[in-house]
């Protein structure tokens, strides 16, 4: 066994320590290199990020600088505009001041004139206020006047009704037909008026409701005067055989003019006649003189002497007639020209031995007044009375509507049946709502009561008369029986009892709107004695053409 010396051992130990230290130093150097490399990578990444961030920041700063520059430029522009505006306003103010100074320097205001202007303005305002107050006062005055006028009309209406009721209570009913009287009083109802029901051929009065008005009072005849105008026009050859005026074959005809109560037609006829002839024919028919009724206080009425206005032939201006006179006129026109004398059969002896007073014949050829009957029947069939009466009963009449003695007057003068008249019914009413159609409706109710007493010959021309739709002319403006300005025809004016009555037979429903108005029935040949023909200048029977 070899043994080393201590020095060798120490050298080897030192060498080994040196080797270990070298190894450790190499490992540490490699690790440091690795860490340095990682650190370099990390720093590179950080540098790249920082570079990117710095680029973004620089771009944002650049954009902000641009925006700031734009904002500054906009602000600068706004500021410049404001400065310019202020400068302009200052210049304008300065100009205005200078102008004012110039004006003031040219002309200074006068205190007196300013005071005068103020006073003038104050006066103008006062005048305007006074005019306003005056206008208000005038409006109030007119309203008050209108209220007072309405109150006066209402009071007048009440007075007429009160007078009618009082007169009816004082009527002497001795010798009257009480059934007919009740029917007449009920039909008159609340209307202020009078009713006459008479036997057309004898003159016997079945009833007179409101005898004071029927005998002692005169009324404006309104359109009922057209019957007188028509009779005179026919007899004087102003109305030709065709119903036209003069030699004209065209235009409106007599039948339609009567049925529709056309004012213009009868004014033209009357103007051709003249005042003197009109009065002459009115006297012949019984107007302008008492009828001779056996009652006290009968008035003769009035005729339009000296009045040449055309309205006397259509409206009855300056005429005054009584209901009794109208009953005599329509009876004479329908019963062969015999003018009866109205008569009350007051005592039992008179009722038992009643004999009609001799009837006077009209001094007019029969053909001249019978030619009026088709138009009178037409009034009930398709004319102004169509809503109030039943044409199947052969009612023929004439309505009238006008203003007289401070109120409206409604009239209806009629006979039935037209071919052989038995009764004459005349109704006259007064009041703001009264018209001829209302009077016709009242008469229609009375005829309904008389229906069982009225018999018709079914073979007669009048009973066979039937109007076809194409034979009725369309009503024209002004053709209805409204002689003066007023409300249009309305069913509301007809009494409720008539408006709600049962429908009439189909043969009597004759109101149709078409283009012609020519009744369809055979011509009526009227024979009369040769003595009368020689007097009238005729040599042959006249044929009534329709």
Protein backbone atom coordinates (compact mmCIF):
# COMPACT_ATOMS: atom_id res chain seq x y z
CA UNK A 1 0.00 0.00 0.00
CA UNK A 2 1.31 3.10 -1.26
CA UNK A 3 0.98 6.18 0.78
CA UNK A 4 0.88 9.73 -0.67
CA UNK A 5 2.40 12.61 0.86
CA UNK A 6 0.25 15.34 2.22
CA UNK A 7 1.27 17.83 -0.38
CA UNK A 8 0.01 15.67 -3.22
CA UNK A 9 -3.27 15.26 -1.48
CA UNK A 10 -3.61 18.95 -1.08
CA UNK A 11 -2.88 19.58 -4.72
CA UNK A 12 -5.41 17.04 -5.87
CA UNK A 13 -8.01 18.47 -3.52
CA UNK A 14 -7.38 21.95 -4.81
CA UNK A 15 -7.56 20.69 -8.38
CA UNK A 16 -10.87 18.99 -7.67
CA UNK A 17 -12.26 22.13 -6.04
CA UNK A 18 -11.11 24.12 -9.01
CA UNK A 19 -12.82 21.75 -11.42
CA UNK A 20 -16.03 21.90 -9.38
CA UNK A 21 -15.91 25.66 -9.34
CA UNK A 22 -15.33 25.75 -13.08
CA UNK A 23 -18.31 23.49 -13.62
CA UNK A 24 -20.43 25.58 -11.33
CA UNK A 25 -19.24 28.71 -13.05
CA UNK A 26 -20.11 27.27 -16.49
CA UNK A 27 -23.61 26.32 -15.33
CA UNK A 28 -24.16 29.69 -13.87
CA UNK A 29 -22.89 31.31 -17.03
CA UNK A 30 -25.29 29.25 -19.17
CA UNK A 31 -28.16 30.06 -16.87
CA UNK A 32 -27.26 33.72 -16.96
CA UNK A 33 -27.14 33.56 -20.73
CA UNK A 34 -30.58 31.93 -20.79
CA UNK A 35 -32.02 34.50 -18.43
CA UNK A 36 -30.44 37.29 -20.40
CA UNK A 37 -31.90 35.89 -23.60
CA UNK A 38 -35.39 35.66 -21.99
CA UNK A 39 -34.94 39.14 -20.64
CA UNK A 40 -33.99 40.36 -24.09
CA UNK A 41 -37.10 38.73 -25.60
CA UNK A 42 -39.32 40.22 -22.91
CA UNK A 43 -37.80 43.61 -23.37
CA UNK A 44 -38.24 43.33 -27.14
CA UNK A 45 -41.93 42.53 -26.76
CA UNK A 46 -42.35 45.39 -24.32
CA UNK A 47 -40.56 47.68 -26.71
CA UNK A 48 -42.84 46.57 -29.58
CA UNK A 49 -45.96 47.15 -27.47
CA UNK A 50 -44.67 50.48 -26.35
CA UNK A 51 -43.96 51.36 -29.97
CA UNK A 52 -47.49 50.43 -31.00
CA UNK A 53 -48.96 52.34 -28.08
CA UNK A 54 -46.81 55.29 -28.88
CA UNK A 55 -48.01 55.17 -32.52
CA UNK A 56 -51.68 55.06 -31.41
CA UNK A 57 -51.09 57.85 -28.98
CA UNK A 58 -49.40 59.90 -31.63
CA UNK A 59 -52.28 59.30 -34.10
CA UNK A 60 -54.83 60.24 -31.42
CA UNK A 61 -52.85 63.31 -30.58
CA UNK A 62 -52.70 64.18 -34.24
CA UNK A 63 -56.47 63.73 -34.63
CA UNK A 64 -57.08 65.75 -31.47
CA UNK A 65 -54.83 68.46 -32.79
CA UNK A 66 -56.78 68.47 -36.07
CA UNK A 67 -60.10 68.62 -34.22
CA UNK A 68 -58.76 71.34 -32.05
CA UNK A 69 -57.66 73.23 -35.12
CA UNK A 70 -61.10 72.76 -36.74
CA UNK A 71 -62.89 73.83 -33.54
CA UNK A 72 -60.66 76.78 -33.30
CA UNK A 73 -61.34 77.68 -36.93
CA UNK A 74 -65.15 77.30 -36.42
CA UNK A 75 -65.01 79.35 -33.27
CA UNK A 76 -62.94 81.90 -35.04
CA UNK A 77 -65.48 82.04 -37.88
CA UNK A 78 -68.42 82.33 -35.43
CA UNK A 79 -66.60 84.96 -33.50
CA UNK A 80 -65.88 86.82 -36.72
CA UNK A 81 -69.55 86.63 -37.74
CA UNK A 82 -70.67 87.88 -34.37
CA UNK A 83 -68.20 90.69 -34.59
CA UNK A 84 -69.51 91.54 -38.07
CA UNK A 85 -73.14 91.41 -36.83
CA UNK A 86 -72.32 93.60 -33.88
CA UNK A 87 -70.53 95.95 -36.15
CA UNK A 88 -73.53 96.04 -38.50
CA UNK A 89 -75.98 96.58 -35.63
CA UNK A 90 -73.80 99.31 -34.28
CA UNK A 91 -73.72 100.90 -37.70
CA UNK A 92 -77.53 100.57 -37.98
CA UNK A 93 -78.04 102.07 -34.55
CA UNK A 94 -75.67 104.81 -35.37
CA UNK A 95 -77.44 105.40 -38.68
CA UNK A 96 -80.84 105.46 -36.90
CA UNK A 97 -79.48 107.87 -34.35
CA UNK A 98 -78.06 110.00 -37.07
CA UNK A 99 -81.35 109.84 -39.00
CA UNK A 100 -83.30 110.73 -35.87
CA UNK A 101 -80.91 113.52 -35.20
CA UNK A 102 -81.32 114.69 -38.76
CA UNK A 103 -85.11 114.49 -38.48
CA UNK A 104 -85.10 116.17 -35.14
CA UNK A 105 -82.71 118.69 -36.50
CA UNK A 106 -85.01 119.22 -39.51
CA UNK A 107 -88.41 119.35 -37.67
CA UNK A 108 -89.16 119.25 -33.99
CA UNK A 109 -92.60 117.87 -32.81
CA UNK A 110 -95.23 120.44 -31.98
CA UNK A 111 -96.76 119.85 -28.51
CA UNK A 112 -100.06 121.45 -29.57
CA UNK A 113 -100.44 119.18 -32.55
CA UNK A 114 -99.60 116.14 -30.43
CA UNK A 115 -102.31 117.18 -27.97
CA UNK A 116 -104.79 117.65 -30.83
CA UNK A 117 -103.98 114.19 -32.16
CA UNK A 118 -104.60 112.71 -28.73
CA UNK A 119 -107.92 114.53 -28.47
CA UNK A 120 -108.92 113.40 -31.97
CA UNK A 121 -108.05 109.80 -31.13
CA UNK A 122 -110.07 110.02 -27.92
CA UNK A 123 -113.04 111.49 -29.83
CA UNK A 124 -112.82 108.72 -32.43
CA UNK A 125 -112.86 106.10 -29.70
CA UNK A 126 -115.85 107.76 -28.06
CA UNK A 127 -117.73 107.81 -31.38
CA UNK A 128 -116.93 104.14 -32.01
CA UNK A 129 -118.18 103.26 -28.53
CA UNK A 130 -121.34 105.29 -29.06
CA UNK A 131 -121.98 103.54 -32.38
CA UNK A 132 -121.45 100.17 -30.74
CA UNK A 133 -123.89 101.02 -27.95
CA UNK A 134 -126.40 102.38 -30.47
CA UNK A 135 -126.16 99.16 -32.51
CA UNK A 136 -126.72 97.07 -29.39
CA UNK A 137 -129.68 99.25 -28.41
CA UNK A 138 -131.16 98.98 -31.92
CA UNK A 139 -130.76 95.20 -31.89
CA UNK A 140 -132.50 95.02 -28.53
CA UNK A 141 -135.25 97.31 -29.80
CA UNK A 142 -135.83 95.10 -32.83
CA UNK A 143 -135.88 91.96 -30.72
CA UNK A 144 -138.36 93.57 -28.38
CA UNK A 145 -140.51 94.69 -31.32
CA UNK A 146 -140.43 91.16 -32.74
CA UNK A 147 -141.46 89.72 -29.38
CA UNK A 148 -144.27 92.22 -29.09
CA UNK A 149 -145.40 91.45 -32.65
CA UNK A 150 -145.45 87.73 -31.88
CA UNK A 151 -147.39 88.40 -28.72
CA UNK A 152 -149.88 90.55 -30.64
CA UNK A 153 -150.31 87.81 -33.23
CA UNK A 154 -150.88 85.21 -30.55
CA UNK A 155 -153.32 87.51 -28.80
CA UNK A 156 -155.06 88.14 -32.12
CA UNK A 157 -155.25 84.40 -32.77
CA UNK A 158 -156.66 83.78 -29.32
CA UNK A 159 -159.15 86.59 -29.86
CA UNK A 160 -160.37 85.04 -33.13
CA UNK A 161 -160.84 81.65 -31.50
CA UNK A 162 -162.52 83.16 -28.47
CA UNK A 163 -164.87 85.11 -30.74
CA UNK A 164 -165.66 81.99 -32.75
CA UNK A 165 -166.51 79.99 -29.64
CA UNK A 166 -168.69 82.78 -28.26
CA UNK A 167 -170.54 83.15 -31.58
CA UNK A 168 -171.16 79.41 -31.90
CA UNK A 169 -172.67 79.36 -28.41
CA UNK A 170 -175.07 82.12 -29.46
CA UNK A 171 -176.12 80.47 -32.75
CA UNK A 172 -179.84 79.87 -33.21
CA UNK A 173 -180.00 76.15 -34.03
CA UNK A 174 -183.77 75.99 -34.50
CA UNK A 175 -184.60 74.15 -37.71
CA UNK A 176 -181.02 72.95 -38.27
CA UNK A 177 -179.98 69.35 -38.85
CA UNK A 178 -178.27 68.64 -35.53
CA UNK A 179 -176.28 65.70 -36.89
CA UNK A 180 -174.80 67.86 -39.62
CA UNK A 181 -174.19 70.66 -37.12
CA UNK A 182 -172.26 68.37 -34.76
CA UNK A 183 -170.16 67.17 -37.67
CA UNK A 184 -169.45 70.77 -38.75
CA UNK A 185 -168.54 71.92 -35.23
CA UNK A 186 -166.25 68.93 -34.70
CA UNK A 187 -164.60 69.43 -38.08
CA UNK A 188 -164.00 73.13 -37.34
CA UNK A 189 -162.36 72.16 -34.05
CA UNK A 190 -159.98 74.84 -32.74
CA UNK A 191 -159.98 76.80 -35.97
CA UNK A 192 -161.45 80.28 -35.98
CA UNK A 193 -164.01 80.26 -38.77
CA UNK A 194 -167.49 79.58 -40.06
CA UNK A 195 -169.23 76.74 -41.92
CA UNK A 196 -172.31 76.73 -44.16
CA UNK A 197 -174.01 73.50 -45.29
CA UNK A 198 -176.91 74.05 -47.70
CA UNK A 199 -179.08 72.00 -50.03
CA UNK A 200 -177.77 73.03 -53.43
CA UNK A 201 -181.08 72.89 -55.31
CA UNK A 202 -183.46 74.26 -52.68
CA UNK A 203 -181.40 76.69 -50.60
CA UNK A 204 -182.41 75.05 -47.33
CA UNK A 205 -179.69 75.60 -44.74
CA UNK A 206 -178.87 72.39 -42.87
CA UNK A 207 -176.52 74.23 -40.53
CA UNK A 208 -174.65 77.52 -40.23
CA UNK A 209 -171.85 77.40 -37.66
CA UNK A 210 -170.83 80.83 -36.36
CA UNK A 211 -173.83 82.55 -37.87
CA UNK A 212 -172.50 86.00 -37.01
CA UNK A 213 -169.51 85.57 -39.37
CA UNK A 214 -171.54 83.71 -42.02
CA UNK A 215 -174.27 86.34 -42.32
CA UNK A 216 -173.01 89.65 -40.94
CA UNK A 217 -169.29 89.56 -41.86
CA UNK A 218 -167.65 90.03 -45.25
CA UNK A 219 -164.41 88.24 -46.21
CA UNK A 220 -161.91 88.65 -48.99
CA UNK A 221 -162.79 85.86 -51.48
CA UNK A 222 -159.15 85.19 -52.45
CA UNK A 223 -158.93 82.59 -55.25
CA UNK A 224 -162.63 81.68 -55.15
CA UNK A 225 -163.15 84.84 -57.25
CA UNK A 226 -161.57 82.92 -60.14
CA UNK A 227 -164.92 81.21 -60.67
CA UNK A 228 -166.44 84.58 -61.52
CA UNK A 229 -163.48 85.48 -63.75
CA UNK A 230 -163.77 82.12 -65.52
CA UNK A 231 -167.53 82.40 -66.12
CA UNK A 232 -167.12 85.92 -67.50
CA UNK A 233 -164.17 84.88 -69.69
CA UNK A 234 -166.12 81.96 -71.17
CA UNK A 235 -169.22 84.01 -71.90
CA UNK A 236 -167.20 86.87 -73.43
CA UNK A 237 -165.15 84.45 -75.57
CA UNK A 238 -161.90 85.49 -73.91
CA UNK A 239 -161.47 81.78 -73.09
CA UNK A 240 -161.76 79.65 -76.22
CA UNK A 241 -163.34 76.22 -76.68
CA UNK A 242 -160.00 74.52 -75.95
CA UNK A 243 -159.69 76.32 -72.64
CA UNK A 244 -156.90 78.61 -73.80
CA UNK A 245 -156.88 82.40 -73.74
CA UNK A 246 -157.89 84.22 -76.93
CA UNK A 247 -157.12 82.35 -80.12
CA UNK A 248 -154.15 80.51 -78.67
CA UNK A 249 -154.30 76.73 -78.84
CA UNK A 250 -151.20 76.28 -76.66
CA UNK A 251 -150.38 77.19 -73.11
CA UNK A 252 -152.29 76.49 -69.92
CA UNK A 253 -155.92 75.40 -70.15
CA UNK A 254 -158.91 76.40 -68.04
CA UNK A 255 -159.37 73.08 -66.24
CA UNK A 256 -155.80 72.96 -64.99
CA UNK A 257 -155.79 76.67 -64.12
CA UNK A 258 -158.84 76.21 -61.86
CA UNK A 259 -157.60 72.97 -60.30
CA UNK A 260 -154.16 74.41 -59.53
CA UNK A 261 -155.43 77.96 -58.91
CA UNK A 262 -153.01 79.63 -61.31
CA UNK A 263 -152.98 83.38 -60.73
CA UNK A 264 -151.36 84.43 -64.00
CA UNK A 265 -153.99 82.69 -66.14
CA UNK A 266 -156.91 84.49 -64.54
CA UNK A 267 -155.10 87.83 -64.43
CA UNK A 268 -154.68 87.64 -68.20
CA UNK A 269 -158.33 86.70 -68.66
CA UNK A 270 -159.53 89.47 -66.32
CA UNK A 271 -157.30 92.10 -67.92
CA UNK A 272 -158.98 91.32 -71.26
CA UNK A 273 -162.41 91.71 -69.62
CA UNK A 274 -161.89 94.90 -67.65
CA UNK A 275 -163.26 96.09 -64.33
CA UNK A 276 -166.79 96.94 -65.51
CA UNK A 277 -167.53 93.51 -66.99
CA UNK A 278 -166.02 91.77 -63.97
CA UNK A 279 -168.36 93.65 -61.64
CA UNK A 280 -171.33 92.95 -63.93
CA UNK A 281 -170.76 89.17 -63.83
CA UNK A 282 -170.15 89.25 -60.08
CA UNK A 283 -173.59 90.84 -59.63
CA UNK A 284 -175.20 88.25 -61.89
CA UNK A 285 -173.79 85.48 -59.70
CA UNK A 286 -175.10 87.10 -56.54
CA UNK A 287 -172.13 89.05 -55.15
CA UNK A 288 -172.48 92.60 -53.87
CA UNK A 289 -176.09 92.14 -52.70
CA UNK A 290 -177.84 90.28 -49.85
CA UNK A 291 -178.88 86.71 -50.57
CA UNK A 292 -182.31 87.23 -49.00
CA UNK A 293 -181.83 84.76 -46.15
CA UNK A 294 -184.46 85.00 -43.44
CA UNK A 295 -182.04 86.27 -40.82
CA UNK A 296 -181.30 89.72 -39.46
CA UNK A 297 -178.23 91.80 -40.18
CA UNK A 298 -177.14 90.25 -43.49
CA UNK A 299 -174.36 92.20 -45.19
CA UNK A 300 -174.26 92.81 -48.93
CA UNK A 301 -170.48 92.59 -49.21
CA UNK A 302 -168.43 94.86 -51.49
CA UNK A 303 -167.41 95.10 -55.15
CA UNK A 304 -164.13 96.59 -56.47
CA UNK A 305 -165.48 99.68 -58.23
CA UNK A 306 -162.73 101.69 -59.91
CA UNK A 307 -159.96 99.17 -59.22
CA UNK A 308 -158.16 98.18 -62.43
CA UNK A 309 -155.43 96.14 -60.77
CA UNK A 310 -155.09 92.64 -62.23
CA UNK A 311 -155.24 91.15 -58.72
CA UNK A 312 -158.99 91.70 -58.51
CA UNK A 313 -159.41 88.86 -61.05
CA UNK A 314 -157.14 86.37 -59.24
CA UNK A 315 -156.86 87.42 -55.58
CA UNK A 316 -160.22 89.13 -55.05
CA UNK A 317 -158.72 92.45 -53.95
CA UNK A 318 -161.38 95.00 -52.90
CA UNK A 319 -164.06 92.28 -52.92
CA UNK A 320 -165.93 91.24 -49.80
CA UNK A 321 -168.21 88.20 -49.82
CA UNK A 322 -170.12 86.18 -47.24
CA UNK A 323 -170.10 82.39 -46.92
CA UNK A 324 -173.80 82.40 -47.86
CA UNK A 325 -173.01 84.24 -51.11
CA UNK A 326 -170.30 81.71 -51.99
CA UNK A 327 -172.75 78.86 -51.32
CA UNK A 328 -175.21 80.49 -53.74
CA UNK A 329 -172.51 80.95 -56.42
CA UNK A 330 -171.25 77.34 -56.45
CA UNK A 331 -174.81 76.00 -56.30
CA UNK A 332 -175.82 78.09 -59.33
CA UNK A 333 -172.78 76.97 -61.32
CA UNK A 334 -173.61 73.29 -60.73
CA UNK A 335 -177.42 73.06 -60.74
CA UNK A 336 -178.18 74.41 -64.18
CA UNK A 337 -177.81 78.11 -63.47
CA UNK A 338 -180.53 78.43 -60.84
CA UNK A 339 -179.62 80.94 -58.15
CA UNK A 340 -181.31 79.76 -54.95
CA UNK A 341 -182.21 81.81 -51.89
CA UNK A 342 -180.81 80.47 -48.60
CA UNK A 343 -183.49 79.75 -46.04
CA UNK A 344 -183.72 78.65 -42.38
CA UNK A 345 -186.68 76.33 -41.65
CA UNK A 346 -186.98 77.65 -38.12
CA UNK A 347 -190.44 76.58 -36.87
CA UNK A 348 -192.11 73.22 -36.95
CA UNK A 349 -194.67 74.53 -39.35
CA UNK A 350 -191.93 75.82 -41.64
CA UNK A 351 -190.07 72.51 -41.45
CA UNK A 352 -193.22 70.55 -42.30
CA UNK A 353 -194.35 72.78 -45.13
CA UNK A 354 -190.99 73.99 -46.38
CA UNK A 355 -191.11 75.23 -49.92
CA UNK A 356 -188.00 76.73 -51.46
CA UNK A 357 -188.30 80.27 -52.68
CA UNK A 358 -188.31 80.61 -56.46
CA UNK A 359 -184.79 80.41 -57.81
CA UNK A 360 -183.72 83.01 -60.31
CA UNK A 361 -181.95 81.86 -63.46
CA UNK A 362 -178.54 83.32 -64.10
CA UNK A 363 -178.40 85.76 -66.96
CA UNK A 364 -175.55 83.69 -68.38
CA UNK A 365 -175.77 80.84 -70.93
CA UNK A 366 -175.60 77.53 -69.19
CA UNK A 367 -172.63 76.34 -71.22
CA UNK A 368 -170.52 79.26 -69.92
CA UNK A 369 -170.63 78.20 -66.30
CA UNK A 370 -170.88 74.42 -66.70
CA UNK A 371 -167.54 74.59 -68.45
CA UNK A 372 -166.06 75.43 -65.04
CA UNK A 373 -167.08 72.14 -63.44
CA UNK A 374 -164.23 69.93 -64.77
CA UNK A 375 -161.66 72.26 -63.21
CA UNK A 376 -163.58 72.37 -59.92
CA UNK A 377 -163.68 68.57 -59.85
CA UNK A 378 -159.99 68.57 -60.73
CA UNK A 379 -159.24 70.60 -57.61
CA UNK A 380 -160.45 67.64 -55.54
CA UNK A 381 -158.82 65.02 -57.78
CA UNK A 382 -155.34 66.41 -58.42
CA UNK A 383 -155.38 70.09 -57.46
CA UNK A 384 -155.31 72.29 -54.39
CA UNK A 385 -157.98 70.37 -52.42
CA UNK A 386 -156.73 66.86 -53.18
CA UNK A 387 -155.40 66.18 -49.66
CA UNK A 388 -158.58 67.20 -47.90
CA UNK A 389 -161.57 65.68 -49.73
CA UNK A 390 -162.55 62.33 -51.18
CA UNK A 391 -162.95 62.83 -54.93
CA UNK A 392 -164.93 59.58 -55.22
CA UNK A 393 -167.90 61.44 -53.71
CA UNK A 394 -167.97 63.79 -56.71
CA UNK A 395 -166.82 66.87 -54.81
CA UNK A 396 -166.22 69.92 -57.00
CA UNK A 397 -164.95 73.14 -55.47
CA UNK A 398 -162.48 75.97 -55.35
CA UNK A 399 -159.95 76.82 -52.66
CA UNK A 400 -158.67 80.25 -51.70
CA UNK A 401 -155.72 81.46 -49.61
CA UNK A 402 -154.73 85.08 -49.05
CA UNK A 403 -154.20 87.75 -46.42
CA UNK A 404 -157.19 89.85 -45.43
CA UNK A 405 -158.05 91.99 -42.42
CA UNK A 406 -154.70 91.38 -40.75
CA UNK A 407 -154.59 87.58 -40.97
CA UNK A 408 -154.54 84.69 -43.40
CA UNK A 409 -157.90 83.63 -44.79
CA UNK A 410 -158.56 80.09 -46.01
CA UNK A 411 -161.67 79.32 -48.08
CA UNK A 412 -163.28 76.33 -49.75
CA UNK A 413 -166.58 76.61 -51.68
CA UNK A 414 -167.88 73.30 -53.02
CA UNK A 415 -170.78 71.09 -54.10
CA UNK A 416 -171.31 67.31 -54.25
CA UNK A 417 -171.98 65.24 -56.23
CA UNK A 418 -170.98 67.28 -59.24
CA UNK A 419 -173.31 65.56 -61.74
CA UNK A 420 -176.41 66.12 -59.60
CA UNK A 421 -175.49 68.43 -56.70
CA UNK A 422 -177.28 67.81 -53.46
CA UNK A 423 -175.19 69.73 -50.93
CA UNK A 424 -173.13 72.88 -50.94
CA UNK A 425 -170.44 73.18 -48.27
CA UNK A 426 -168.53 76.43 -47.69
CA UNK A 427 -165.79 76.82 -45.09
CA UNK A 428 -163.90 80.02 -44.20
CA UNK A 429 -161.16 80.12 -41.57
CA UNK A 430 -158.91 82.89 -40.25
CA UNK A 431 -155.48 82.73 -38.61
CA UNK A 432 -151.76 82.61 -39.29
CA UNK A 433 -151.81 78.92 -40.25
CA UNK A 434 -155.04 78.98 -42.24
CA UNK A 435 -155.02 78.21 -45.97
CA UNK A 436 -157.49 76.93 -48.55
CA UNK A 437 -156.26 73.35 -48.17
CA UNK A 438 -157.12 73.51 -44.43
CA UNK A 439 -160.64 74.71 -45.20
CA UNK A 440 -160.97 71.91 -47.77
CA UNK A 441 -159.93 69.34 -45.15
CA UNK A 442 -162.62 70.64 -42.79
CA UNK A 443 -165.20 70.35 -45.59
CA UNK A 444 -163.90 66.84 -46.31
CA UNK A 445 -164.81 65.73 -42.79
CA UNK A 446 -168.31 67.16 -43.21
CA UNK A 447 -168.76 65.30 -46.51
CA UNK A 448 -167.79 62.08 -44.74
CA UNK A 449 -170.77 62.60 -42.44
CA UNK A 450 -172.98 63.25 -45.47
CA UNK A 451 -171.67 60.22 -47.38
CA UNK A 452 -174.70 57.98 -46.57
CA UNK A 453 -176.97 60.68 -47.98
CA UNK A 454 -175.03 61.10 -51.23
CA UNK A 455 -175.86 58.68 -54.03
CA UNK A 456 -174.23 58.72 -57.43
CA UNK A 457 -175.34 57.33 -60.77
CA UNK A 458 -172.61 54.85 -61.71
CA UNK A 459 -173.46 55.35 -65.39
CA UNK A 460 -172.99 59.10 -65.33
CA UNK A 461 -170.03 60.65 -67.09
CA UNK A 462 -168.76 62.16 -63.86
CA UNK A 463 -169.02 58.87 -61.94
CA UNK A 464 -167.04 57.10 -64.69
CA UNK A 465 -164.43 59.79 -64.81
CA UNK A 466 -161.03 58.33 -64.00
CA UNK A 467 -157.77 60.19 -64.26
CA UNK A 468 -154.76 58.26 -65.53
CA UNK A 469 -151.20 58.99 -64.36
CA UNK A 470 -150.23 60.47 -67.72
CA UNK A 471 -153.22 62.81 -67.59
CA UNK A 472 -152.11 64.77 -64.54
CA UNK A 473 -149.70 67.64 -65.04
CA UNK A 474 -146.78 68.16 -62.72
CA UNK A 475 -147.44 70.99 -60.29
CA UNK A 476 -145.33 74.06 -61.06
CA UNK A 477 -144.00 76.72 -58.74
CA UNK A 478 -146.74 79.26 -58.10
CA UNK A 479 -149.56 76.98 -59.30
CA UNK A 480 -150.59 75.96 -55.82
CA UNK A 481 -153.25 77.95 -54.02
CA UNK A 482 -150.88 80.35 -52.26
CA UNK A 483 -152.12 83.73 -53.46
CA UNK A 484 -149.74 85.66 -51.22
CA UNK A 485 -146.27 84.88 -49.89
CA UNK A 486 -146.40 82.08 -47.35
CA UNK A 487 -145.21 78.63 -46.41
CA UNK A 488 -145.37 75.87 -49.04
CA UNK A 489 -148.15 73.35 -49.04
CA UNK A 490 -147.68 70.76 -46.33
CA UNK A 491 -149.63 67.84 -44.94
CA UNK A 492 -149.02 69.25 -41.45
CA UNK A 493 -151.67 71.90 -42.09
CA UNK A 494 -154.36 69.28 -42.71
CA UNK A 495 -156.33 68.16 -39.62
CA UNK A 496 -155.18 64.92 -38.03
CA UNK A 497 -158.51 63.20 -38.62
CA UNK A 498 -158.10 63.59 -42.38
CA UNK A 499 -154.37 62.73 -42.51
CA UNK A 500 -154.94 59.51 -40.55
CA UNK A 501 -158.11 58.45 -42.38
CA UNK A 502 -158.28 55.15 -44.25
CA UNK A 503 -156.81 55.17 -47.79
CA UNK A 504 -159.21 56.10 -50.56
CA UNK A 505 -160.10 53.64 -53.32
CA UNK A 506 -157.59 53.27 -56.12
CA UNK A 507 -159.91 55.04 -58.57
CA UNK A 508 -159.65 58.25 -56.55
CA UNK A 509 -155.88 58.24 -56.10
CA UNK A 510 -155.26 60.68 -58.90
CA UNK A 511 -152.18 62.63 -57.81
CA UNK A 512 -149.39 61.67 -60.18
CA UNK A 513 -146.49 63.66 -61.62
CA UNK A 514 -146.47 63.53 -65.39
CA UNK A 515 -146.35 65.95 -68.27
CA UNK A 516 -149.98 66.46 -69.32
CA UNK A 517 -153.27 67.42 -67.72
CA UNK A 518 -156.14 66.41 -69.96
CA UNK A 519 -159.10 64.62 -68.31
CA UNK A 520 -160.11 61.43 -70.04
CA UNK A 521 -163.87 61.28 -70.52
CA UNK A 522 -166.27 61.81 -73.39
CA UNK A 523 -167.28 65.34 -74.37
CA UNK A 524 -170.42 66.67 -72.69
CA UNK A 525 -173.12 67.75 -75.13
CA UNK A 526 -175.43 70.30 -73.54
CA UNK A 527 -178.82 70.82 -75.16
CA UNK A 528 -180.78 73.97 -74.45
CA UNK A 529 -183.90 75.56 -75.89
CA UNK A 530 -183.75 77.44 -79.20
CA UNK A 531 -185.10 80.59 -77.59
CA UNK A 532 -182.07 80.81 -75.35
CA UNK A 533 -179.86 79.94 -78.31
CA UNK A 534 -181.25 82.79 -80.36
CA UNK A 535 -180.66 85.19 -77.50
CA UNK A 536 -177.07 84.12 -77.11
CA UNK A 537 -176.41 84.12 -80.87
CA UNK A 538 -175.83 80.35 -81.09
CA UNK A 539 -177.39 78.16 -83.75
CA UNK A 540 -176.28 74.69 -82.62
CA UNK A 541 -175.45 72.80 -79.41
CA UNK A 542 -171.98 73.56 -78.08
CA UNK A 543 -169.63 70.71 -77.33
CA UNK A 544 -167.49 71.06 -74.25
CA UNK A 545 -164.02 69.86 -75.09
CA UNK A 546 -161.71 68.67 -72.38
